[in-house]
Amino acid sequence: MRKNRFDDADIPFDDVTFTRRLLFELTDVLQDVVGHQEARGFIAIVGARMGDAFNGAYRRAAGRPVLTHEDVADALVDLKRRIGGDFYVMEHNNEEIVFGNRRCPFGAAVEGRPALCMMTSNVFGRIAAENLGYARVAVEEAFATGDNRCVVRVMLQASRRREGNTGREYFHVGADSDPLPARESETEQ
């Protein structure tokens, strides 16, 4: 069998860089064609679906149908860690969870693509609301808008609205679906 001339070439593509590039190109096209606000809407839909799938995975891992406050905070930090972020809990009480982040899962190329923050907002919002009843998520600082960190505030009570902090609301809707198929190793158990 003939060796491919590019097998050993220093070409910076693999499954992760391909997926990121695909996401960035789709985001850029959406932002350019329909505008930033509408692009945020499309990405919000994807984030909601992913949030439902992740929620199901964390509920299964916890062995219970609903996650606690602590579980939700831990699940969101763990999820972001698994996909390359460096999120941590800055503040946590019954009214809100405030997350900081030192590294965006999308890397440095996220700058100028604020629509991608809707992925975090929707995943955090869906998981929090489906388990705790309600969430209002505000991305207060973001790498995508030129900040040197991300700060994401997840308010767990409608009364926690802060002046000038509108955020995006999420409600418990009983989304028990898991739109992502199980991996082969999960179906064999």
N, C-alpha and C. Protein backbone atom coordinates (compact mmCIF):
# COMPACT_ATOMS: atom_id res chain seq x y z
N MET A 1 0.85 -1.18 0.00
CA MET A 1 0.00 0.00 0.00
C MET A 1 0.90 1.24 0.00
N ARG A 2 0.55 2.18 -0.82
CA ARG A 2 1.33 3.41 -0.97
C ARG A 2 1.11 4.32 0.23
N LYS A 3 2.20 4.89 0.73
CA LYS A 3 2.12 5.85 1.84
C LYS A 3 1.62 7.19 1.31
N ASN A 4 0.72 7.80 2.04
CA ASN A 4 0.20 9.13 1.67
C ASN A 4 1.28 10.17 1.94
N ARG A 5 1.53 11.00 1.00
CA ARG A 5 2.61 12.00 1.11
C ARG A 5 2.38 13.00 2.25
N PHE A 6 1.16 13.09 2.74
CA PHE A 6 0.86 14.08 3.78
C PHE A 6 0.78 13.47 5.19
N ASP A 7 1.01 12.15 5.30
CA ASP A 7 0.95 11.49 6.61
C ASP A 7 1.79 12.18 7.68
N ASP A 8 2.99 12.58 7.33
CA ASP A 8 3.90 13.17 8.30
C ASP A 8 4.00 14.69 8.19
N ALA A 9 3.16 15.29 7.37
CA ALA A 9 3.20 16.74 7.16
C ALA A 9 2.69 17.46 8.41
N ASP A 10 3.24 18.61 8.66
CA ASP A 10 2.84 19.42 9.81
C ASP A 10 1.63 20.27 9.42
N ILE A 11 0.47 19.64 9.38
CA ILE A 11 -0.78 20.30 9.02
C ILE A 11 -1.65 20.31 10.27
N PRO A 12 -2.03 21.49 10.75
CA PRO A 12 -2.68 21.60 12.06
C PRO A 12 -4.17 21.27 12.07
N PHE A 13 -4.56 20.13 11.55
CA PHE A 13 -5.95 19.71 11.58
C PHE A 13 -6.09 18.37 12.26
N ASP A 14 -7.05 18.27 13.13
CA ASP A 14 -7.45 17.01 13.74
C ASP A 14 -8.94 17.14 14.01
N ASP A 15 -9.53 16.18 14.68
CA ASP A 15 -10.96 16.23 14.91
C ASP A 15 -11.40 17.46 15.71
N VAL A 16 -10.60 17.84 16.70
CA VAL A 16 -10.96 18.99 17.52
C VAL A 16 -10.83 20.29 16.74
N THR A 17 -9.71 20.49 16.04
CA THR A 17 -9.55 21.74 15.29
C THR A 17 -10.55 21.82 14.14
N PHE A 18 -10.87 20.68 13.54
CA PHE A 18 -11.89 20.67 12.48
C PHE A 18 -13.24 21.12 13.03
N THR A 19 -13.64 20.54 14.17
CA THR A 19 -14.94 20.88 14.75
C THR A 19 -14.98 22.35 15.17
N ARG A 20 -13.92 22.83 15.79
CA ARG A 20 -13.87 24.25 16.17
C ARG A 20 -13.95 25.14 14.94
N ARG A 21 -13.18 24.81 13.92
CA ARG A 21 -13.18 25.63 12.70
C ARG A 21 -14.57 25.64 12.08
N LEU A 22 -15.21 24.49 12.04
CA LEU A 22 -16.57 24.40 11.51
C LEU A 22 -17.52 25.29 12.29
N LEU A 23 -17.44 25.23 13.61
CA LEU A 23 -18.29 26.05 14.46
C LEU A 23 -18.02 27.53 14.25
N PHE A 24 -16.74 27.91 14.18
CA PHE A 24 -16.40 29.32 13.98
C PHE A 24 -16.90 29.82 12.62
N GLU A 25 -16.73 29.02 11.60
CA GLU A 25 -17.19 29.43 10.26
C GLU A 25 -18.71 29.57 10.22
N LEU A 26 -19.41 28.62 10.84
CA LEU A 26 -20.88 28.72 10.90
C LEU A 26 -21.31 29.96 11.68
N THR A 27 -20.64 30.22 12.78
CA THR A 27 -20.96 31.41 13.57
C THR A 27 -20.71 32.68 12.79
N ASP A 28 -19.56 32.77 12.12
CA ASP A 28 -19.24 33.95 11.31
C ASP A 28 -20.27 34.17 10.22
N VAL A 29 -20.65 33.09 9.53
CA VAL A 29 -21.63 33.22 8.45
C VAL A 29 -22.96 33.69 9.01
N LEU A 30 -23.40 33.08 10.12
CA LEU A 30 -24.66 33.52 10.74
C LEU A 30 -24.60 34.99 11.14
N GLN A 31 -23.51 35.39 11.82
CA GLN A 31 -23.39 36.78 12.26
C GLN A 31 -23.37 37.73 11.07
N ASP A 32 -22.69 37.35 9.99
CA ASP A 32 -22.59 38.21 8.82
C ASP A 32 -23.90 38.26 8.02
N VAL A 33 -24.60 37.15 7.92
CA VAL A 33 -25.79 37.08 7.07
C VAL A 33 -27.05 37.56 7.79
N VAL A 34 -27.26 37.09 9.02
CA VAL A 34 -28.50 37.44 9.72
C VAL A 34 -28.29 38.45 10.84
N GLY A 35 -27.05 38.72 11.20
CA GLY A 35 -26.75 39.68 12.26
C GLY A 35 -26.45 38.98 13.58
N HIS A 36 -25.81 39.72 14.47
CA HIS A 36 -25.39 39.15 15.75
C HIS A 36 -26.57 38.67 16.58
N GLN A 37 -27.63 39.45 16.65
CA GLN A 37 -28.77 39.08 17.50
C GLN A 37 -29.45 37.81 17.01
N GLU A 38 -29.68 37.72 15.71
CA GLU A 38 -30.33 36.54 15.17
C GLU A 38 -29.42 35.32 15.27
N ALA A 39 -28.11 35.52 15.09
CA ALA A 39 -27.16 34.41 15.23
C ALA A 39 -27.23 33.87 16.66
N ARG A 40 -27.36 34.76 17.62
CA ARG A 40 -27.48 34.33 19.02
C ARG A 40 -28.71 33.43 19.18
N GLY A 41 -29.78 33.76 18.47
CA GLY A 41 -31.00 32.95 18.55
C GLY A 41 -30.80 31.54 18.02
N PHE A 42 -30.12 31.42 16.89
CA PHE A 42 -29.85 30.10 16.33
C PHE A 42 -28.96 29.29 17.27
N ILE A 43 -27.93 29.90 17.80
CA ILE A 43 -27.02 29.20 18.69
C ILE A 43 -27.72 28.85 20.00
N ALA A 44 -28.68 29.68 20.41
CA ALA A 44 -29.45 29.39 21.62
C ALA A 44 -30.23 28.08 21.46
N ILE A 45 -30.78 27.84 20.29
CA ILE A 45 -31.53 26.61 20.04
C ILE A 45 -30.61 25.40 20.17
N VAL A 46 -29.44 25.49 19.57
CA VAL A 46 -28.46 24.40 19.66
C VAL A 46 -28.04 24.20 21.11
N GLY A 47 -27.78 25.30 21.82
CA GLY A 47 -27.38 25.21 23.22
C GLY A 47 -28.45 24.57 24.09
N ALA A 48 -29.72 24.87 23.81
CA ALA A 48 -30.82 24.27 24.58
C ALA A 48 -30.86 22.76 24.37
N ARG A 49 -30.70 22.33 23.14
CA ARG A 49 -30.69 20.89 22.86
C ARG A 49 -29.51 20.21 23.54
N MET A 50 -28.35 20.85 23.47
CA MET A 50 -27.17 20.27 24.11
C MET A 50 -27.34 20.27 25.63
N GLY A 51 -27.92 21.34 26.17
CA GLY A 51 -28.17 21.40 27.61
C GLY A 51 -29.03 20.26 28.08
N ASP A 52 -30.08 19.92 27.31
CA ASP A 52 -30.94 18.80 27.67
C ASP A 52 -30.16 17.48 27.67
N ALA A 53 -29.31 17.31 26.66
CA ALA A 53 -28.52 16.07 26.58
C ALA A 53 -27.53 15.98 27.74
N PHE A 54 -26.83 17.08 28.02
CA PHE A 54 -25.87 17.08 29.13
C PHE A 54 -26.59 16.86 30.46
N ASN A 55 -27.74 17.47 30.62
CA ASN A 55 -28.51 17.32 31.85
C ASN A 55 -28.84 15.85 32.09
N GLY A 56 -29.28 15.17 31.04
CA GLY A 56 -29.58 13.74 31.15
C GLY A 56 -28.35 12.94 31.55
N ALA A 57 -27.21 13.28 30.98
CA ALA A 57 -25.97 12.56 31.30
C ALA A 57 -25.57 12.76 32.76
N TYR A 58 -25.68 13.99 33.25
CA TYR A 58 -25.31 14.25 34.65
C TYR A 58 -26.31 13.66 35.62
N ARG A 59 -27.59 13.64 35.27
CA ARG A 59 -28.57 12.99 36.13
C ARG A 59 -28.29 11.49 36.23
N ARG A 60 -27.98 10.88 35.09
CA ARG A 60 -27.65 9.45 35.11
C ARG A 60 -26.40 9.20 35.95
N ALA A 61 -25.38 10.04 35.79
CA ALA A 61 -24.14 9.87 36.55
C ALA A 61 -24.38 10.05 38.05
N ALA A 62 -25.31 10.96 38.42
CA ALA A 62 -25.62 11.19 39.83
C ALA A 62 -26.54 10.10 40.39
N GLY A 63 -27.19 9.36 39.48
CA GLY A 63 -28.09 8.29 39.91
C GLY A 63 -29.39 8.78 40.48
N ARG A 64 -29.83 9.95 40.04
CA ARG A 64 -31.11 10.46 40.53
C ARG A 64 -31.78 11.31 39.45
N PRO A 65 -33.09 11.49 39.58
CA PRO A 65 -33.83 12.19 38.52
C PRO A 65 -33.67 13.71 38.53
N VAL A 66 -33.20 14.28 39.63
CA VAL A 66 -33.03 15.73 39.72
C VAL A 66 -31.73 16.02 40.46
N LEU A 67 -30.97 16.97 39.95
CA LEU A 67 -29.71 17.36 40.59
C LEU A 67 -29.96 18.40 41.68
N THR A 68 -29.15 18.38 42.72
CA THR A 68 -29.22 19.37 43.80
C THR A 68 -28.48 20.64 43.36
N HIS A 69 -28.55 21.68 44.20
CA HIS A 69 -27.79 22.92 43.95
C HIS A 69 -26.31 22.60 43.76
N GLU A 70 -25.76 21.83 44.70
CA GLU A 70 -24.34 21.47 44.64
C GLU A 70 -24.04 20.68 43.37
N ASP A 71 -24.93 19.74 43.04
CA ASP A 71 -24.74 18.93 41.83
C ASP A 71 -24.70 19.82 40.58
N VAL A 72 -25.61 20.78 40.52
CA VAL A 72 -25.67 21.66 39.35
C VAL A 72 -24.36 22.43 39.21
N ALA A 73 -23.89 23.03 40.29
CA ALA A 73 -22.63 23.78 40.24
C ALA A 73 -21.49 22.87 39.81
N ASP A 74 -21.41 21.69 40.43
CA ASP A 74 -20.35 20.75 40.08
C ASP A 74 -20.46 20.27 38.63
N ALA A 75 -21.67 19.99 38.18
CA ALA A 75 -21.86 19.51 36.81
C ALA A 75 -21.42 20.57 35.79
N LEU A 76 -21.75 21.82 36.03
CA LEU A 76 -21.40 22.87 35.07
C LEU A 76 -19.89 23.09 35.01
N VAL A 77 -19.24 23.06 36.16
CA VAL A 77 -17.77 23.18 36.18
C VAL A 77 -17.15 21.97 35.48
N ASP A 78 -17.65 20.78 35.80
CA ASP A 78 -17.12 19.56 35.19
C ASP A 78 -17.31 19.55 33.68
N LEU A 79 -18.48 19.93 33.23
CA LEU A 79 -18.76 19.96 31.80
C LEU A 79 -17.77 20.87 31.08
N LYS A 80 -17.59 22.07 31.58
CA LYS A 80 -16.68 23.01 30.93
C LYS A 80 -15.24 22.50 30.96
N ARG A 81 -14.86 21.82 32.05
CA ARG A 81 -13.53 21.22 32.13
C ARG A 81 -13.35 20.16 31.04
N ARG A 82 -14.36 19.34 30.87
CA ARG A 82 -14.29 18.26 29.89
C ARG A 82 -14.15 18.77 28.46
N ILE A 83 -14.65 19.97 28.20
CA ILE A 83 -14.56 20.50 26.84
C ILE A 83 -13.48 21.56 26.68
N GLY A 84 -12.61 21.69 27.68
CA GLY A 84 -11.44 22.55 27.53
C GLY A 84 -11.52 23.90 28.22
N GLY A 85 -12.56 24.16 28.98
CA GLY A 85 -12.66 25.41 29.72
C GLY A 85 -12.00 25.29 31.09
N ASP A 86 -11.95 26.38 31.81
CA ASP A 86 -11.38 26.39 33.15
C ASP A 86 -12.32 27.19 34.06
N PHE A 87 -13.55 26.72 34.17
CA PHE A 87 -14.56 27.37 34.99
C PHE A 87 -14.38 26.98 36.45
N TYR A 88 -14.79 27.86 37.33
CA TYR A 88 -14.74 27.63 38.76
C TYR A 88 -15.87 28.43 39.39
N VAL A 89 -16.28 28.02 40.59
CA VAL A 89 -17.35 28.71 41.31
C VAL A 89 -16.75 29.86 42.09
N MET A 90 -17.23 31.07 41.82
CA MET A 90 -16.79 32.27 42.54
C MET A 90 -17.67 32.50 43.77
N GLU A 91 -18.95 32.18 43.62
CA GLU A 91 -19.92 32.41 44.69
C GLU A 91 -21.06 31.42 44.49
N HIS A 92 -21.57 30.87 45.57
CA HIS A 92 -22.67 29.91 45.47
C HIS A 92 -23.54 30.00 46.71
N ASN A 93 -24.81 30.28 46.51
CA ASN A 93 -25.78 30.26 47.60
C ASN A 93 -27.12 29.85 47.00
N ASN A 94 -28.17 29.85 47.79
CA ASN A 94 -29.47 29.40 47.29
C ASN A 94 -30.07 30.33 46.25
N GLU A 95 -29.57 31.55 46.15
CA GLU A 95 -30.13 32.51 45.20
C GLU A 95 -29.38 32.59 43.89
N GLU A 96 -28.07 32.26 43.90
CA GLU A 96 -27.31 32.34 42.66
C GLU A 96 -26.01 31.55 42.74
N ILE A 97 -25.51 31.24 41.55
CA ILE A 97 -24.18 30.64 41.42
C ILE A 97 -23.44 31.54 40.43
N VAL A 98 -22.27 32.01 40.83
CA VAL A 98 -21.47 32.86 39.96
C VAL A 98 -20.21 32.07 39.59
N PHE A 99 -20.01 31.95 38.28
CA PHE A 99 -18.86 31.21 37.77
C PHE A 99 -17.84 32.17 37.17
N GLY A 100 -16.59 31.86 37.36
CA GLY A 100 -15.51 32.54 36.67
C GLY A 100 -14.91 31.55 35.68
N ASN A 101 -14.17 32.06 34.73
CA ASN A 101 -13.53 31.19 33.76
C ASN A 101 -12.22 31.81 33.31
N ARG A 102 -11.17 30.99 33.34
CA ARG A 102 -9.84 31.45 32.94
C ARG A 102 -9.45 31.03 31.53
N ARG A 103 -10.23 30.11 30.92
CA ARG A 103 -9.89 29.62 29.58
C ARG A 103 -11.16 29.23 28.84
N CYS A 104 -11.38 29.82 27.69
CA CYS A 104 -12.57 29.51 26.90
C CYS A 104 -12.41 28.16 26.20
N PRO A 105 -13.43 27.32 26.24
CA PRO A 105 -13.36 26.05 25.52
C PRO A 105 -13.16 26.24 24.01
N PHE A 106 -13.55 27.39 23.49
CA PHE A 106 -13.39 27.65 22.07
C PHE A 106 -12.04 28.24 21.72
N GLY A 107 -11.21 28.50 22.73
CA GLY A 107 -9.88 29.05 22.49
C GLY A 107 -9.93 30.54 22.18
N ALA A 108 -8.77 31.07 21.77
CA ALA A 108 -8.63 32.50 21.51
C ALA A 108 -9.47 32.97 20.33
N ALA A 109 -9.80 32.07 19.44
CA ALA A 109 -10.57 32.45 18.25
C ALA A 109 -12.01 32.84 18.57
N VAL A 110 -12.44 32.71 19.83
CA VAL A 110 -13.80 33.10 20.21
C VAL A 110 -13.97 34.62 20.17
N GLU A 111 -12.87 35.37 20.29
CA GLU A 111 -12.96 36.83 20.32
C GLU A 111 -13.64 37.32 19.04
N GLY A 112 -14.62 38.19 19.22
CA GLY A 112 -15.39 38.72 18.10
C GLY A 112 -16.57 37.84 17.71
N ARG A 113 -16.79 36.77 18.43
CA ARG A 113 -17.91 35.87 18.15
C ARG A 113 -18.80 35.74 19.40
N PRO A 114 -19.40 36.85 19.83
CA PRO A 114 -20.19 36.81 21.06
C PRO A 114 -21.42 35.90 20.98
N ALA A 115 -21.84 35.56 19.78
CA ALA A 115 -22.98 34.65 19.66
C ALA A 115 -22.68 33.30 20.31
N LEU A 116 -21.41 32.92 20.35
CA LEU A 116 -21.05 31.64 20.96
C LEU A 116 -21.31 31.62 22.46
N CYS A 117 -21.40 32.78 23.09
CA CYS A 117 -21.71 32.83 24.52
C CYS A 117 -23.12 32.30 24.79
N MET A 118 -23.96 32.25 23.78
CA MET A 118 -25.30 31.70 23.95
C MET A 118 -25.24 30.21 24.23
N MET A 119 -24.17 29.56 23.79
CA MET A 119 -24.01 28.14 24.09
C MET A 119 -23.88 27.96 25.60
N THR A 120 -23.00 28.74 26.23
CA THR A 120 -22.84 28.66 27.68
C THR A 120 -24.12 29.06 28.38
N SER A 121 -24.73 30.16 27.97
CA SER A 121 -25.95 30.63 28.61
C SER A 121 -27.04 29.56 28.57
N ASN A 122 -27.24 28.97 27.42
CA ASN A 122 -28.32 27.99 27.28
C ASN A 122 -28.03 26.68 27.99
N VAL A 123 -26.81 26.20 27.90
CA VAL A 123 -26.47 24.97 28.61
C VAL A 123 -26.61 25.18 30.11
N PHE A 124 -26.03 26.26 30.64
CA PHE A 124 -26.14 26.55 32.07
C PHE A 124 -27.60 26.76 32.46
N GLY A 125 -28.32 27.54 31.68
CA GLY A 125 -29.71 27.85 31.98
C GLY A 125 -30.61 26.64 31.97
N ARG A 126 -30.45 25.79 30.96
CA ARG A 126 -31.29 24.59 30.87
C ARG A 126 -31.03 23.64 32.03
N ILE A 127 -29.76 23.39 32.32
CA ILE A 127 -29.44 22.46 33.39
C ILE A 127 -29.93 23.01 34.74
N ALA A 128 -29.68 24.27 35.01
CA ALA A 128 -30.12 24.87 36.27
C ALA A 128 -31.65 24.87 36.38
N ALA A 129 -32.33 25.32 35.36
CA ALA A 129 -33.80 25.42 35.42
C ALA A 129 -34.47 24.05 35.49
N GLU A 130 -33.97 23.10 34.75
CA GLU A 130 -34.60 21.77 34.76
C GLU A 130 -34.43 21.08 36.11
N ASN A 131 -33.42 21.44 36.85
CA ASN A 131 -33.19 20.81 38.15
C ASN A 131 -33.64 21.65 39.33
N LEU A 132 -33.55 22.96 39.20
CA LEU A 132 -33.84 23.85 40.33
C LEU A 132 -35.08 24.71 40.11
N GLY A 133 -35.72 24.59 38.96
CA GLY A 133 -36.99 25.26 38.71
C GLY A 133 -36.93 26.52 37.90
N TYR A 134 -35.85 27.27 38.00
CA TYR A 134 -35.75 28.56 37.31
C TYR A 134 -34.28 28.96 37.24
N ALA A 135 -33.95 29.69 36.18
CA ALA A 135 -32.61 30.28 36.09
C ALA A 135 -32.67 31.51 35.20
N ARG A 136 -31.90 32.50 35.58
CA ARG A 136 -31.66 33.67 34.73
C ARG A 136 -30.15 33.74 34.60
N VAL A 137 -29.65 33.65 33.37
CA VAL A 137 -28.21 33.59 33.14
C VAL A 137 -27.74 34.89 32.50
N ALA A 138 -26.74 35.49 33.11
CA ALA A 138 -26.14 36.70 32.56
C ALA A 138 -24.64 36.45 32.36
N VAL A 139 -24.19 36.62 31.14
CA VAL A 139 -22.76 36.56 30.85
C VAL A 139 -22.25 37.99 31.03
N GLU A 140 -21.64 38.23 32.17
CA GLU A 140 -21.24 39.59 32.55
C GLU A 140 -19.90 40.01 31.97
N GLU A 141 -19.01 39.07 31.79
CA GLU A 141 -17.72 39.31 31.13
C GLU A 141 -17.48 38.12 30.23
N ALA A 142 -16.81 38.36 29.08
CA ALA A 142 -16.58 37.25 28.16
C ALA A 142 -15.34 37.49 27.31
N PHE A 143 -14.61 36.42 27.08
CA PHE A 143 -13.47 36.48 26.16
C PHE A 143 -13.94 36.95 24.78
N ALA A 144 -15.15 36.54 24.40
CA ALA A 144 -15.68 36.86 23.08
C ALA A 144 -15.83 38.36 22.86
N THR A 145 -16.00 39.12 23.94
CA THR A 145 -16.15 40.57 23.82
C THR A 145 -14.90 41.33 24.23
N GLY A 146 -13.79 40.59 24.38
CA GLY A 146 -12.51 41.23 24.66
C GLY A 146 -12.10 41.28 26.11
N ASP A 147 -12.91 40.71 27.01
CA ASP A 147 -12.53 40.66 28.42
C ASP A 147 -11.44 39.62 28.63
N ASN A 148 -10.73 39.72 29.75
CA ASN A 148 -9.64 38.77 30.02
C ASN A 148 -10.10 37.57 30.83
N ARG A 149 -11.39 37.43 31.02
CA ARG A 149 -11.99 36.28 31.70
C ARG A 149 -13.48 36.27 31.37
N CYS A 150 -14.13 35.21 31.77
CA CYS A 150 -15.59 35.16 31.68
C CYS A 150 -16.16 35.14 33.09
N VAL A 151 -17.27 35.82 33.26
CA VAL A 151 -18.04 35.75 34.50
C VAL A 151 -19.48 35.47 34.08
N VAL A 152 -20.00 34.37 34.59
CA VAL A 152 -21.37 33.96 34.26
C VAL A 152 -22.15 33.85 35.56
N ARG A 153 -23.21 34.64 35.66
CA ARG A 153 -24.06 34.65 36.85
C ARG A 153 -25.34 33.89 36.54
N VAL A 154 -25.61 32.86 37.35
CA VAL A 154 -26.83 32.07 37.21
C VAL A 154 -27.70 32.38 38.42
N MET A 155 -28.72 33.20 38.20
CA MET A 155 -29.64 33.57 39.27
C MET A 155 -30.74 32.50 39.34
N LEU A 156 -31.02 32.02 40.52
CA LEU A 156 -31.92 30.89 40.69
C LEU A 156 -33.31 31.29 41.17
N GLN A 157 -33.52 32.57 41.41
CA GLN A 157 -34.83 33.08 41.82
C GLN A 157 -35.13 34.33 41.00
N ALA A 158 -36.35 34.44 40.54
CA ALA A 158 -36.73 35.60 39.73
C ALA A 158 -36.48 36.91 40.46
N SER A 159 -36.52 36.89 41.76
CA SER A 159 -36.31 38.11 42.54
C SER A 159 -34.85 38.56 42.54
N ARG A 160 -33.92 37.76 42.01
CA ARG A 160 -32.50 38.08 42.02
C ARG A 160 -32.07 38.95 40.83
N ARG A 161 -33.00 39.52 40.14
CA ARG A 161 -32.64 40.40 39.03
C ARG A 161 -31.86 41.59 39.55
N ARG A 162 -30.74 41.84 38.95
CA ARG A 162 -29.92 42.98 39.36
C ARG A 162 -30.14 44.12 38.36
N GLU A 163 -30.08 45.30 38.85
CA GLU A 163 -30.26 46.46 37.98
C GLU A 163 -29.21 46.44 36.87
N GLY A 164 -29.66 46.61 35.65
CA GLY A 164 -28.77 46.61 34.51
C GLY A 164 -28.31 45.22 34.09
N ASN A 165 -28.78 44.20 34.77
CA ASN A 165 -28.38 42.84 34.48
C ASN A 165 -29.61 42.07 34.04
N THR A 166 -29.88 42.10 32.76
CA THR A 166 -31.09 41.47 32.29
C THR A 166 -30.96 39.97 32.17
N GLY A 167 -29.89 39.49 31.60
CA GLY A 167 -29.72 38.06 31.45
C GLY A 167 -30.80 37.44 30.59
N ARG A 168 -30.82 36.15 30.57
CA ARG A 168 -31.79 35.39 29.79
C ARG A 168 -32.45 34.39 30.73
N GLU A 169 -33.77 34.33 30.71
CA GLU A 169 -34.51 33.47 31.62
C GLU A 169 -34.72 32.07 31.06
N TYR A 170 -34.71 31.11 31.97
CA TYR A 170 -34.96 29.71 31.64
C TYR A 170 -35.91 29.16 32.69
N PHE A 171 -36.86 28.35 32.25
CA PHE A 171 -37.86 27.79 33.14
C PHE A 171 -37.87 26.27 33.04
N HIS A 172 -38.27 25.64 34.13
CA HIS A 172 -38.42 24.17 34.11
C HIS A 172 -39.57 23.83 33.17
N VAL A 173 -39.28 23.02 32.18
CA VAL A 173 -40.32 22.59 31.24
C VAL A 173 -40.44 21.08 31.18
N GLY A 174 -39.69 20.41 32.04
CA GLY A 174 -39.76 18.95 32.07
C GLY A 174 -39.08 18.31 30.88
N ALA A 175 -38.02 18.92 30.40
CA ALA A 175 -37.29 18.39 29.25
C ALA A 175 -36.48 17.19 29.67
N ASP A 176 -37.08 16.01 29.53
CA ASP A 176 -36.40 14.78 29.90
C ASP A 176 -35.75 14.11 28.71
N SER A 177 -35.84 14.74 27.55
CA SER A 177 -35.29 14.12 26.36
C SER A 177 -33.76 14.16 26.40
N ASP A 178 -33.17 13.25 25.69
CA ASP A 178 -31.72 13.20 25.56
C ASP A 178 -31.44 13.07 24.07
N PRO A 179 -31.41 14.20 23.34
CA PRO A 179 -31.31 14.14 21.89
C PRO A 179 -29.98 13.60 21.37
N LEU A 180 -28.97 13.46 22.21
CA LEU A 180 -27.71 12.89 21.75
C LEU A 180 -27.76 11.39 21.98
N PRO A 181 -27.43 10.61 20.95
CA PRO A 181 -27.48 9.16 21.14
C PRO A 181 -26.40 8.70 22.12
N ALA A 182 -26.70 7.64 22.82
CA ALA A 182 -25.72 7.06 23.74
C ALA A 182 -24.57 6.46 22.95
N ARG A 183 -23.38 6.51 23.53
CA ARG A 183 -22.23 5.87 22.90
C ARG A 183 -22.38 4.37 23.05
N GLU A 184 -21.72 3.62 22.19
CA GLU A 184 -21.81 2.15 22.23
C GLU A 184 -21.53 1.61 23.61
N SER A 185 -20.52 2.14 24.30
CA SER A 185 -20.17 1.63 25.63
C SER A 185 -21.31 1.86 26.63
N GLU A 186 -22.13 2.88 26.41
CA GLU A 186 -23.25 3.15 27.32
C GLU A 186 -24.40 2.21 27.06
N THR A 187 -24.59 1.78 25.80
CA THR A 187 -25.73 0.93 25.47
C THR A 187 -25.48 -0.52 25.86
N GLU A 188 -24.23 -0.90 26.10
CA GLU A 188 -23.91 -2.27 26.46
C GLU A 188 -24.12 -2.54 27.94
N GLN A 189 -24.28 -1.53 28.75
CA GLN A 189 -24.39 -1.70 30.20
C GLN A 189 -25.76 -2.14 30.62
